[in-house]
Amino acid sequence: MNRDPQIEARVSALSAAPLNSWVALSDDETKLVAFGATYQEVADQLDRMGDRTSVILRTPPSWLPLAV
């Protein structure tokens, strides 16, 4: 099955992200930009970098298999 390269990059970025943390992904969601224990910690990192377009989200304590 051929998958979209952008989806593959997003899966790779999320796989590299620490579990049970707040993370920032690039605006196209293909690169891990920052991470931390709190939302504010990540937001502060992005402010210092001048980044106003990244997406902040929380990763789960563990990745569960996805049934499709």
PDB file of N, CA and C in Angstrom:
ATOM      1  N   MET A   1       0.835  -1.177   0.000  1.00  0.00           N
ATOM      2  CA  MET A   1       0.000   0.000   0.000  1.00  0.00           C
ATOM      3  C   MET A   1       0.881   1.241   0.000  1.00  0.00           C
ATOM      4  N   ASN A   2       0.655   2.148  -0.930  1.00  0.00           N
ATOM      5  CA  ASN A   2       1.385   3.409  -0.987  1.00  0.00           C
ATOM      6  C   ASN A   2       0.724   4.406  -0.059  1.00  0.00           C
ATOM      7  N   ARG A   3       1.526   5.007   0.814  1.00  0.00           N
ATOM      8  CA  ARG A   3       1.004   6.025   1.711  1.00  0.00           C
ATOM      9  C   ARG A   3       1.547   7.377   1.307  1.00  0.00           C
ATOM     10  N   ASP A   4       0.785   8.367   1.618  1.00  0.00           N
ATOM     11  CA  ASP A   4       1.152   9.752   1.342  1.00  0.00           C
ATOM     12  C   ASP A   4       2.447  10.082   2.093  1.00  0.00           C
ATOM     13  N   PRO A   5       3.455  10.668   1.427  1.00  0.00           N
ATOM     14  CA  PRO A   5       4.720  11.004   2.101  1.00  0.00           C
ATOM     15  C   PRO A   5       4.523  11.960   3.283  1.00  0.00           C
ATOM     16  N   GLN A   6       3.550  12.852   3.194  1.00  0.00           N
ATOM     17  CA  GLN A   6       3.314  13.770   4.307  1.00  0.00           C
ATOM     18  C   GLN A   6       2.759  13.016   5.518  1.00  0.00           C
ATOM     19  N   ILE A   7       1.914  12.034   5.276  1.00  0.00           N
ATOM     20  CA  ILE A   7       1.402  11.210   6.372  1.00  0.00           C
ATOM     21  C   ILE A   7       2.544  10.423   6.999  1.00  0.00           C
ATOM     22  N   GLU A   8       3.416   9.867   6.173  1.00  0.00           N
ATOM     23  CA  GLU A   8       4.576   9.133   6.678  1.00  0.00           C
ATOM     24  C   GLU A   8       5.457  10.036   7.539  1.00  0.00           C
ATOM     25  N   ALA A   9       5.679  11.276   7.093  1.00  0.00           N
ATOM     26  CA  ALA A   9       6.495  12.213   7.860  1.00  0.00           C
ATOM     27  C   ALA A   9       5.828  12.562   9.181  1.00  0.00           C
ATOM     28  N   ARG A  10       4.503  12.721   9.175  1.00  0.00           N
ATOM     29  CA  ARG A  10       3.771  13.025  10.413  1.00  0.00           C
ATOM     30  C   ARG A  10       3.875  11.863  11.392  1.00  0.00           C
ATOM     31  N   VAL A  11       3.692  10.643  10.912  1.00  0.00           N
ATOM     32  CA  VAL A  11       3.806   9.456  11.764  1.00  0.00           C
ATOM     33  C   VAL A  11       5.219   9.367  12.345  1.00  0.00           C
ATOM     34  N   SER A  12       6.215   9.653  11.533  1.00  0.00           N
ATOM     35  CA  SER A  12       7.599   9.626  11.995  1.00  0.00           C
ATOM     36  C   SER A  12       7.838  10.682  13.079  1.00  0.00           C
ATOM     37  N   ALA A  13       7.321  11.894  12.880  1.00  0.00           N
ATOM     38  CA  ALA A  13       7.494  12.971  13.862  1.00  0.00           C
ATOM     39  C   ALA A  13       6.809  12.604  15.174  1.00  0.00           C
ATOM     40  N   LEU A  14       5.605  12.074  15.090  1.00  0.00           N
ATOM     41  CA  LEU A  14       4.903  11.686  16.313  1.00  0.00           C
ATOM     42  C   LEU A  14       5.587  10.511  17.007  1.00  0.00           C
ATOM     43  N   SER A  15       6.143   9.599  16.238  1.00  0.00           N
ATOM     44  CA  SER A  15       6.861   8.467  16.827  1.00  0.00           C
ATOM     45  C   SER A  15       8.098   8.922  17.592  1.00  0.00           C
ATOM     46  N   ALA A  16       8.714  10.016  17.142  1.00  0.00           N
ATOM     47  CA  ALA A  16       9.909  10.544  17.808  1.00  0.00           C
ATOM     48  C   ALA A  16       9.565  11.382  19.031  1.00  0.00           C
ATOM     49  N   ALA A  17       8.307  11.768  19.155  1.00  0.00           N
ATOM     50  CA  ALA A  17       7.893  12.633  20.262  1.00  0.00           C
ATOM     51  C   ALA A  17       7.833  11.839  21.567  1.00  0.00           C
ATOM     52  N   PRO A  18       8.251  12.460  22.672  1.00  0.00           N
ATOM     53  CA  PRO A  18       8.162  11.765  23.954  1.00  0.00           C
ATOM     54  C   PRO A  18       6.699  11.534  24.342  1.00  0.00           C
ATOM     55  N   LEU A  19       6.445  10.382  24.940  1.00  0.00           N
ATOM     56  CA  LEU A  19       5.099  10.061  25.383  1.00  0.00           C
ATOM     57  C   LEU A  19       4.717  10.882  26.609  1.00  0.00           C
ATOM     58  N   ASN A  20       3.412  11.100  26.767  1.00  0.00           N
ATOM     59  CA  ASN A  20       2.866  11.801  27.930  1.00  0.00           C
ATOM     60  C   ASN A  20       3.500  13.179  28.108  1.00  0.00           C
ATOM     61  N   SER A  21       3.649  13.894  27.008  1.00  0.00           N
ATOM     62  CA  SER A  21       4.281  15.212  27.007  1.00  0.00           C
ATOM     63  C   SER A  21       3.498  16.151  26.099  1.00  0.00           C
ATOM     64  N   TRP A  22       3.790  17.421  26.236  1.00  0.00           N
ATOM     65  CA  TRP A  22       3.305  18.416  25.290  1.00  0.00           C
ATOM     66  C   TRP A  22       4.358  18.558  24.210  1.00  0.00           C
ATOM     67  N   VAL A  23       3.927  18.579  22.954  1.00  0.00           N
ATOM     68  CA  VAL A  23       4.859  18.678  21.836  1.00  0.00           C
ATOM     69  C   VAL A  23       4.368  19.725  20.839  1.00  0.00           C
ATOM     70  N   ALA A  24       5.301  20.276  20.101  1.00  0.00           N
ATOM     71  CA  ALA A  24       4.966  21.192  19.011  1.00  0.00           C
ATOM     72  C   ALA A  24       5.466  20.567  17.719  1.00  0.00           C
ATOM     73  N   LEU A  25       4.572  20.490  16.759  1.00  0.00           N
ATOM     74  CA  LEU A  25       4.917  20.021  15.427  1.00  0.00           C
ATOM     75  C   LEU A  25       4.913  21.214  14.486  1.00  0.00           C
ATOM     76  N   SER A  26       5.748  21.164  13.458  1.00  0.00           N
ATOM     77  CA  SER A  26       5.759  22.222  12.447  1.00  0.00           C
ATOM     78  C   SER A  26       4.352  22.394  11.883  1.00  0.00           C
ATOM     79  N   ASP A  27       4.095  23.531  11.269  1.00  0.00           N
ATOM     80  CA  ASP A  27       2.741  23.810  10.783  1.00  0.00           C
ATOM     81  C   ASP A  27       2.239  22.770   9.775  1.00  0.00           C
ATOM     82  N   ASP A  28       3.149  22.097   9.075  1.00  0.00           N
ATOM     83  CA  ASP A  28       2.720  21.019   8.175  1.00  0.00           C
ATOM     84  C   ASP A  28       2.705  19.659   8.890  1.00  0.00           C
ATOM     85  N   GLU A  29       3.012  19.683  10.187  1.00  0.00           N
ATOM     86  CA  GLU A  29       2.978  18.514  11.073  1.00  0.00           C
ATOM     87  C   GLU A  29       3.931  17.399  10.655  1.00  0.00           C
ATOM     88  N   THR A  30       5.070  17.764  10.077  1.00  0.00           N
ATOM     89  CA  THR A  30       6.031  16.753   9.634  1.00  0.00           C
ATOM     90  C   THR A  30       7.310  16.734  10.460  1.00  0.00           C
ATOM     91  N   LYS A  31       7.497  17.723  11.347  1.00  0.00           N
ATOM     92  CA  LYS A  31       8.727  17.799  12.146  1.00  0.00           C
ATOM     93  C   LYS A  31       8.402  18.129  13.593  1.00  0.00           C
ATOM     94  N   LEU A  32       9.101  17.472  14.508  1.00  0.00           N
ATOM     95  CA  LEU A  32       8.999  17.789  15.929  1.00  0.00           C
ATOM     96  C   LEU A  32       9.837  19.041  16.170  1.00  0.00           C
ATOM     97  N   VAL A  33       9.209  20.092  16.675  1.00  0.00           N
ATOM     98  CA  VAL A  33       9.868  21.382  16.835  1.00  0.00           C
ATOM     99  C   VAL A  33      10.292  21.615  18.284  1.00  0.00           C
ATOM    100  N   ALA A  34       9.439  21.224  19.235  1.00  0.00           N
ATOM    101  CA  ALA A  34       9.723  21.437  20.660  1.00  0.00           C
ATOM    102  C   ALA A  34       8.887  20.453  21.469  1.00  0.00           C
ATOM    103  N   PHE A  35       9.307  20.243  22.716  1.00  0.00           N
ATOM    104  CA  PHE A  35       8.508  19.414  23.617  1.00  0.00           C
ATOM    105  C   PHE A  35       8.817  19.794  25.053  1.00  0.00           C
ATOM    106  N   GLY A  36       7.893  19.444  25.953  1.00  0.00           N
ATOM    107  CA  GLY A  36       8.078  19.752  27.356  1.00  0.00           C
ATOM    108  C   GLY A  36       7.005  19.109  28.207  1.00  0.00           C
ATOM    109  N   ALA A  37       7.124  19.309  29.510  1.00  0.00           N
ATOM    110  CA  ALA A  37       6.192  18.703  30.459  1.00  0.00           C
ATOM    111  C   ALA A  37       4.862  19.453  30.523  1.00  0.00           C
ATOM    112  N   THR A  38       4.877  20.741  30.162  1.00  0.00           N
ATOM    113  CA  THR A  38       3.647  21.533  30.223  1.00  0.00           C
ATOM    114  C   THR A  38       3.420  22.268  28.906  1.00  0.00           C
ATOM    115  N   TYR A  39       2.168  22.641  28.698  1.00  0.00           N
ATOM    116  CA  TYR A  39       1.822  23.440  27.527  1.00  0.00           C
ATOM    117  C   TYR A  39       2.618  24.739  27.531  1.00  0.00           C
ATOM    118  N   GLN A  40       2.680  25.393  28.703  1.00  0.00           N
ATOM    119  CA  GLN A  40       3.360  26.687  28.792  1.00  0.00           C
ATOM    120  C   GLN A  40       4.845  26.573  28.457  1.00  0.00           C
ATOM    121  N   GLU A  41       5.473  25.491  28.882  1.00  0.00           N
ATOM    122  CA  GLU A  41       6.891  25.278  28.569  1.00  0.00           C
ATOM    123  C   GLU A  41       7.106  25.230  27.051  1.00  0.00           C
ATOM    124  N   VAL A  42       6.239  24.519  26.352  1.00  0.00           N
ATOM    125  CA  VAL A  42       6.360  24.416  24.898  1.00  0.00           C
ATOM    126  C   VAL A  42       6.051  25.762  24.246  1.00  0.00           C
ATOM    127  N   ALA A  43       5.006  26.437  24.716  1.00  0.00           N
ATOM    128  CA  ALA A  43       4.653  27.748  24.164  1.00  0.00           C
ATOM    129  C   ALA A  43       5.795  28.740  24.352  1.00  0.00           C
ATOM    130  N   ASP A  44       6.447  28.705  25.512  1.00  0.00           N
ATOM    131  CA  ASP A  44       7.583  29.595  25.761  1.00  0.00           C
ATOM    132  C   ASP A  44       8.748  29.286  24.814  1.00  0.00           C
ATOM    133  N   GLN A  45       9.009  28.001  24.563  1.00  0.00           N
ATOM    134  CA  GLN A  45      10.071  27.627  23.624  1.00  0.00           C
ATOM    135  C   GLN A  45       9.765  28.181  22.233  1.00  0.00           C
ATOM    136  N   LEU A  46       8.517  28.044  21.811  1.00  0.00           N
ATOM    137  CA  LEU A  46       8.126  28.549  20.491  1.00  0.00           C
ATOM    138  C   LEU A  46       8.255  30.064  20.423  1.00  0.00           C
ATOM    139  N   ASP A  47       7.871  30.761  21.504  1.00  0.00           N
ATOM    140  CA  ASP A  47       8.015  32.221  21.545  1.00  0.00           C
ATOM    141  C   ASP A  47       9.470  32.627  21.392  1.00  0.00           C
ATOM    142  N   ARG A  48      10.370  31.929  22.101  1.00  0.00           N
ATOM    143  CA  ARG A  48      11.807  32.246  22.010  1.00  0.00           C
ATOM    144  C   ARG A  48      12.338  32.023  20.598  1.00  0.00           C
ATOM    145  N   MET A  49      11.765  31.047  19.898  1.00  0.00           N
ATOM    146  CA  MET A  49      12.194  30.750  18.522  1.00  0.00           C
ATOM    147  C   MET A  49      11.500  31.665  17.509  1.00  0.00           C
ATOM    148  N   GLY A  50      10.516  32.431  17.968  1.00  0.00           N
ATOM    149  CA  GLY A  50       9.767  33.282  17.057  1.00  0.00           C
ATOM    150  C   GLY A  50       8.793  32.492  16.191  1.00  0.00           C
ATOM    151  N   ASP A  51       8.453  31.307  16.639  1.00  0.00           N
ATOM    152  CA  ASP A  51       7.584  30.407  15.883  1.00  0.00           C
ATOM    153  C   ASP A  51       6.128  30.657  16.280  1.00  0.00           C
ATOM    154  N   ARG A  52       5.333  31.091  15.326  1.00  0.00           N
ATOM    155  CA  ARG A  52       3.917  31.375  15.603  1.00  0.00           C
ATOM    156  C   ARG A  52       2.985  30.448  14.819  1.00  0.00           C
ATOM    157  N   THR A  53       3.547  29.440  14.150  1.00  0.00           N
ATOM    158  CA  THR A  53       2.714  28.596  13.295  1.00  0.00           C
ATOM    159  C   THR A  53       2.678  27.122  13.695  1.00  0.00           C
ATOM    160  N   SER A  54       3.512  26.711  14.630  1.00  0.00           N
ATOM    161  CA  SER A  54       3.533  25.296  15.012  1.00  0.00           C
ATOM    162  C   SER A  54       2.260  24.894  15.738  1.00  0.00           C
ATOM    163  N   VAL A  55       1.979  23.612  15.683  1.00  0.00           N
ATOM    164  CA  VAL A  55       0.802  23.028  16.311  1.00  0.00           C
ATOM    165  C   VAL A  55       1.236  22.377  17.623  1.00  0.00           C
ATOM    166  N   ILE A  56       0.567  22.749  18.721  1.00  0.00           N
ATOM    167  CA  ILE A  56       0.896  22.164  20.028  1.00  0.00           C
ATOM    168  C   ILE A  56      -0.161  21.117  20.363  1.00  0.00           C
ATOM    169  N   LEU A  57       0.306  19.947  20.790  1.00  0.00           N
ATOM    170  CA  LEU A  57      -0.612  18.891  21.205  1.00  0.00           C
ATOM    171  C   LEU A  57       0.020  18.051  22.297  1.00  0.00           C
ATOM    172  N   ARG A  58      -0.806  17.250  22.926  1.00  0.00           N
ATOM    173  CA  ARG A  58      -0.321  16.374  23.999  1.00  0.00           C
ATOM    174  C   ARG A  58      -0.265  14.947  23.468  1.00  0.00           C
ATOM    175  N   THR A  59       0.834  14.276  23.751  1.00  0.00           N
ATOM    176  CA  THR A  59       0.964  12.880  23.345  1.00  0.00           C
ATOM    177  C   THR A  59       0.370  12.000  24.437  1.00  0.00           C
ATOM    178  N   PRO A  60      -0.116  10.835  24.070  1.00  0.00           N
ATOM    179  CA  PRO A  60      -0.715   9.920  25.061  1.00  0.00           C
ATOM    180  C   PRO A  60       0.359   9.231  25.899  1.00  0.00           C
ATOM    181  N   PRO A  61      -0.055   8.619  27.021  1.00  0.00           N
ATOM    182  CA  PRO A  61       0.904   7.863  27.836  1.00  0.00           C
ATOM    183  C   PRO A  61       1.511   6.686  27.072  1.00  0.00           C
ATOM    184  N   SER A  62       0.768   6.127  26.134  1.00  0.00           N
ATOM    185  CA  SER A  62       1.287   5.058  25.270  1.00  0.00           C
ATOM    186  C   SER A  62       0.488   5.075  23.969  1.00  0.00           C
ATOM    187  N   TRP A  63       1.121   4.578  22.904  1.00  0.00           N
ATOM    188  CA  TRP A  63       0.420   4.488  21.624  1.00  0.00           C
ATOM    189  C   TRP A  63      -0.285   3.151  21.575  1.00  0.00           C
ATOM    190  N   LEU A  64      -1.568   3.193  21.298  1.00  0.00           N
ATOM    191  CA  LEU A  64      -2.350   1.972  21.179  1.00  0.00           C
ATOM    192  C   LEU A  64      -2.438   1.590  19.705  1.00  0.00           C
ATOM    193  N   PRO A  65      -2.485   0.292  19.408  1.00  0.00           N
ATOM    194  CA  PRO A  65      -2.632  -0.111  18.016  1.00  0.00           C
ATOM    195  C   PRO A  65      -3.967   0.406  17.463  1.00  0.00           C
ATOM    196  N   LEU A  66      -3.953   0.789  16.228  1.00  0.00           N
ATOM    197  CA  LEU A  66      -5.133   1.315  15.571  1.00  0.00           C
ATOM    198  C   LEU A  66      -5.683   0.272  14.614  1.00  0.00           C
ATOM    199  N   ALA A  67      -6.912  -0.079  14.798  1.00  0.00           N
ATOM    200  CA  ALA A  67      -7.547  -1.039  13.887  1.00  0.00           C
ATOM    201  C   ALA A  67      -8.224  -0.257  12.770  1.00  0.00           C
ATOM    202  N   VAL A  68      -7.880  -0.591  11.557  1.00  0.00           N
ATOM    203  CA  VAL A  68      -8.470   0.103  10.411  1.00  0.00           C
ATOM    204  C   VAL A  68      -9.251  -0.899   9.580  1.00  0.00           C
TER     205      VAL A  68
END
